[in-house]
Amino acid sequence: MMMNHRRLILGVSCAIALALTGCASSSGKVRVSSAKRCAAHGGTYNATAKSCSYQATTVSAAQSCQAEGGYYDPNADYCEMGN
């Protein structure tokens, strides 16, 4: 009984956390900042140039996003992926 109660609390906590961070979306879309995407791919993000530098090359945030099938919004500086 105690284990089920803990799982319920954990599940509800995770759902609330996702909703508050904007990760949960009823449309199936996910928005990730360009800086976070760059870091996740091992690069260093330059906010002024809106580009991500990797060891060998520099790729713009728009190019990186579009290469993964996303839509890049230069004004908000984020990549939107999904339906």
Protein backbone atom coordinates (compact mmCIF):
# COMPACT_ATOMS: atom_id res chain seq x y z
CA MET A 1 0.00 0.00 0.00
CA MET A 2 2.81 2.42 0.93
CA MET A 3 4.68 1.65 -2.32
CA ASN A 4 1.59 2.42 -4.44
CA HIS A 5 1.14 5.70 -2.55
CA ARG A 6 4.78 6.66 -3.25
CA ARG A 7 4.42 5.81 -6.94
CA LEU A 8 1.28 7.93 -7.17
CA ILE A 9 3.01 10.88 -5.52
CA LEU A 10 6.04 10.46 -7.81
CA GLY A 11 3.83 10.27 -10.91
CA VAL A 12 1.82 13.34 -9.96
CA SER A 13 4.99 15.25 -9.08
CA CYS A 14 6.54 14.42 -12.46
CA ALA A 15 3.40 15.46 -14.32
CA ILE A 16 3.28 18.78 -12.47
CA ALA A 17 6.98 19.40 -13.08
CA LEU A 18 6.60 18.75 -16.81
CA ALA A 19 3.57 21.01 -17.05
CA LEU A 20 5.31 23.83 -15.17
CA THR A 21 8.47 23.66 -17.28
CA GLY A 22 6.55 23.73 -20.53
CA CYS A 23 7.71 20.27 -21.60
CA ALA A 24 4.20 18.87 -21.58
CA SER A 25 2.18 19.92 -24.57
CA SER A 26 -1.21 18.80 -25.76
CA SER A 27 -0.19 19.49 -29.37
CA GLY A 28 2.77 17.10 -29.30
CA LYS A 29 5.28 19.90 -29.89
CA VAL A 30 8.40 20.48 -27.85
CA ARG A 31 10.30 23.76 -27.56
CA VAL A 32 13.94 23.72 -26.60
CA SER A 33 16.18 26.76 -26.37
CA SER A 34 18.98 26.94 -28.90
CA ALA A 35 21.57 27.14 -26.10
CA LYS A 36 20.29 23.92 -24.51
CA ARG A 37 20.17 22.12 -27.85
CA CYS A 38 23.72 23.21 -28.61
CA ALA A 39 25.03 22.06 -25.23
CA ALA A 40 23.22 18.75 -25.59
CA HIS A 41 25.04 18.18 -28.89
CA GLY A 42 28.44 19.00 -27.37
CA GLY A 43 28.75 22.52 -28.68
CA THR A 44 29.24 26.02 -27.30
CA TYR A 45 26.41 28.47 -28.01
CA ASN A 46 27.06 32.08 -29.04
CA ALA A 47 23.87 34.06 -28.32
CA THR A 48 25.08 37.15 -30.20
CA ALA A 49 25.71 35.23 -33.42
CA LYS A 50 22.91 32.72 -32.66
CA SER A 51 25.24 29.90 -33.62
CA CYS A 52 26.58 26.73 -32.09
CA SER A 53 30.30 25.99 -32.35
CA TYR A 54 31.42 22.40 -32.44
CA GLN A 55 35.03 21.30 -32.43
CA ALA A 56 35.28 21.08 -36.20
CA THR A 57 32.58 23.46 -37.47
CA THR A 58 30.13 26.22 -36.57
CA VAL A 59 26.47 25.63 -37.41
CA SER A 60 23.77 28.27 -37.05
CA ALA A 61 20.88 27.55 -34.70
CA ALA A 62 18.54 27.62 -37.69
CA GLN A 63 20.63 25.09 -39.64
CA SER A 64 20.88 22.75 -36.67
CA CYS A 65 17.15 22.91 -35.99
CA GLN A 66 16.16 22.44 -39.62
CA ALA A 67 18.59 19.55 -40.02
CA GLU A 68 16.59 17.70 -37.38
CA GLY A 69 13.26 18.50 -39.04
CA GLY A 70 12.31 21.38 -36.77
CA TYR A 71 11.13 24.95 -37.27
CA TYR A 72 13.49 27.66 -36.01
CA ASP A 73 12.03 30.93 -34.73
CA PRO A 74 14.83 33.53 -34.88
CA ASN A 75 12.90 36.12 -32.85
CA ALA A 76 12.33 33.81 -29.88
CA ASP A 77 15.53 31.84 -30.56
CA TYR A 78 14.05 28.37 -30.16
CA CYS A 79 13.56 25.24 -32.21
CA GLU A 80 10.09 23.71 -32.40
CA MET A 81 9.82 20.05 -33.27
CA GLY A 82 6.83 17.76 -33.58
CA ASN A 83 3.45 17.94 -35.28
